[in-house]
Amino acid sequence: MESRQQVRRRKRYHVTMKGNNQEEQVVIIAYSPEEMKSLIRKLYKHIIFDDRGLPSGEISFKATDLL
């Protein structure tokens, strides 16, 4: 019998970030919530961290499957 390899599926994350008197909405395509959060930290650290590098914002998201 052949063993079936599990296929990793990416998801679409509709993300809203609030912080530093800004609000931003973006769509991120990632394999997991951890990967999505890593991308958000890299791309939008000016919104979710203050000048001293401390977390100052909030992130909310909704995940949907890619077809």
C-alpha atoms as a PDB file:
ATOM      1  CA  MET A   1       0.000   0.000   0.000  1.00  0.00           C
ATOM      2  CA  GLU A   2       1.100   3.495  -0.755  1.00  0.00           C
ATOM      3  CA  SER A   3       1.233   5.961   2.069  1.00  0.00           C
ATOM      4  CA  ARG A   4      -0.352   9.282   1.346  1.00  0.00           C
ATOM      5  CA  GLN A   5       1.726  12.300   2.005  1.00  0.00           C
ATOM      6  CA  GLN A   6      -0.190  15.018   3.783  1.00  0.00           C
ATOM      7  CA  VAL A   7      -0.336  18.184   1.716  1.00  0.00           C
ATOM      8  CA  ARG A   8       0.302  21.460   3.503  1.00  0.00           C
ATOM      9  CA  ARG A   9      -2.323  24.002   2.583  1.00  0.00           C
ATOM     10  CA  ARG A  10      -1.899  27.724   2.809  1.00  0.00           C
ATOM     11  CA  LYS A  11      -4.582  29.967   4.250  1.00  0.00           C
ATOM     12  CA  ARG A  12      -5.620  33.536   3.594  1.00  0.00           C
ATOM     13  CA  TYR A  13      -5.456  35.716   6.715  1.00  0.00           C
ATOM     14  CA  HIS A  14      -7.433  38.966   6.772  1.00  0.00           C
ATOM     15  CA  VAL A  15      -5.475  40.946   9.359  1.00  0.00           C
ATOM     16  CA  THR A  16      -6.305  44.196  11.153  1.00  0.00           C
ATOM     17  CA  MET A  17      -3.551  45.928  13.118  1.00  0.00           C
ATOM     18  CA  LYS A  18      -4.031  48.874  15.465  1.00  0.00           C
ATOM     19  CA  GLY A  19      -1.244  50.770  17.190  1.00  0.00           C
ATOM     20  CA  ASN A  20       0.786  53.986  17.239  1.00  0.00           C
ATOM     21  CA  ASN A  21      -2.354  55.942  16.237  1.00  0.00           C
ATOM     22  CA  GLN A  22      -2.634  53.912  13.022  1.00  0.00           C
ATOM     23  CA  GLU A  23      -4.908  51.203  11.733  1.00  0.00           C
ATOM     24  CA  GLU A  24      -3.956  48.953   8.835  1.00  0.00           C
ATOM     25  CA  GLN A  25      -5.805  46.117   7.109  1.00  0.00           C
ATOM     26  CA  VAL A  26      -3.864  43.583   5.040  1.00  0.00           C
ATOM     27  CA  VAL A  27      -4.203  40.114   3.547  1.00  0.00           C
ATOM     28  CA  ILE A  28      -1.410  37.628   4.272  1.00  0.00           C
ATOM     29  CA  ILE A  29      -1.052  34.182   2.662  1.00  0.00           C
ATOM     30  CA  ALA A  30       0.708  31.723   4.988  1.00  0.00           C
ATOM     31  CA  TYR A  31       0.793  28.080   6.069  1.00  0.00           C
ATOM     32  CA  SER A  32       0.132  28.760   9.764  1.00  0.00           C
ATOM     33  CA  PRO A  33      -0.835  31.521  12.195  1.00  0.00           C
ATOM     34  CA  GLU A  34       2.762  31.534  13.458  1.00  0.00           C
ATOM     35  CA  GLU A  35       4.107  32.191   9.960  1.00  0.00           C
ATOM     36  CA  MET A  36       1.504  34.936   9.445  1.00  0.00           C
ATOM     37  CA  LYS A  37       2.481  36.615  12.732  1.00  0.00           C
ATOM     38  CA  SER A  38       6.159  36.419  11.807  1.00  0.00           C
ATOM     39  CA  LEU A  39       5.457  38.184   8.507  1.00  0.00           C
ATOM     40  CA  ILE A  40       3.379  40.844  10.283  1.00  0.00           C
ATOM     41  CA  ARG A  41       6.227  41.506  12.744  1.00  0.00           C
ATOM     42  CA  LYS A  42       8.721  41.879   9.873  1.00  0.00           C
ATOM     43  CA  LEU A  43       6.564  44.074   7.637  1.00  0.00           C
ATOM     44  CA  TYR A  44       4.519  46.138  10.100  1.00  0.00           C
ATOM     45  CA  LYS A  45       6.683  46.492  13.204  1.00  0.00           C
ATOM     46  CA  HIS A  46       6.265  50.285  12.977  1.00  0.00           C
ATOM     47  CA  ILE A  47       2.586  49.804  13.851  1.00  0.00           C
ATOM     48  CA  ILE A  48       2.679  47.073  16.497  1.00  0.00           C
ATOM     49  CA  PHE A  49       5.816  48.171  18.408  1.00  0.00           C
ATOM     50  CA  ASP A  50       6.571  51.560  19.972  1.00  0.00           C
ATOM     51  CA  ASP A  51       9.827  53.542  19.716  1.00  0.00           C
ATOM     52  CA  ARG A  52      11.374  51.544  22.568  1.00  0.00           C
ATOM     53  CA  GLY A  53      10.595  48.200  20.916  1.00  0.00           C
ATOM     54  CA  LEU A  54       7.769  47.307  23.282  1.00  0.00           C
ATOM     55  CA  PRO A  55       4.483  45.854  22.003  1.00  0.00           C
ATOM     56  CA  SER A  56       2.004  48.709  21.668  1.00  0.00           C
ATOM     57  CA  GLY A  57      -0.588  47.465  19.225  1.00  0.00           C
ATOM     58  CA  GLU A  58      -3.062  44.691  18.720  1.00  0.00           C
ATOM     59  CA  ILE A  59      -3.566  42.238  15.913  1.00  0.00           C
ATOM     60  CA  SER A  60      -6.813  40.527  14.992  1.00  0.00           C
ATOM     61  CA  PHE A  61      -7.321  38.170  12.069  1.00  0.00           C
ATOM     62  CA  LYS A  62      -9.723  35.836  10.334  1.00  0.00           C
ATOM     63  CA  ALA A  63      -8.424  32.797   8.418  1.00  0.00           C
ATOM     64  CA  THR A  64     -10.036  31.324   5.300  1.00  0.00           C
ATOM     65  CA  ASP A  65      -8.938  28.415   3.116  1.00  0.00           C
ATOM     66  CA  LEU A  66      -7.437  29.043  -0.293  1.00  0.00           C
ATOM     67  CA  LEU A  67      -9.153  27.184  -3.088  1.00  0.00           C
END
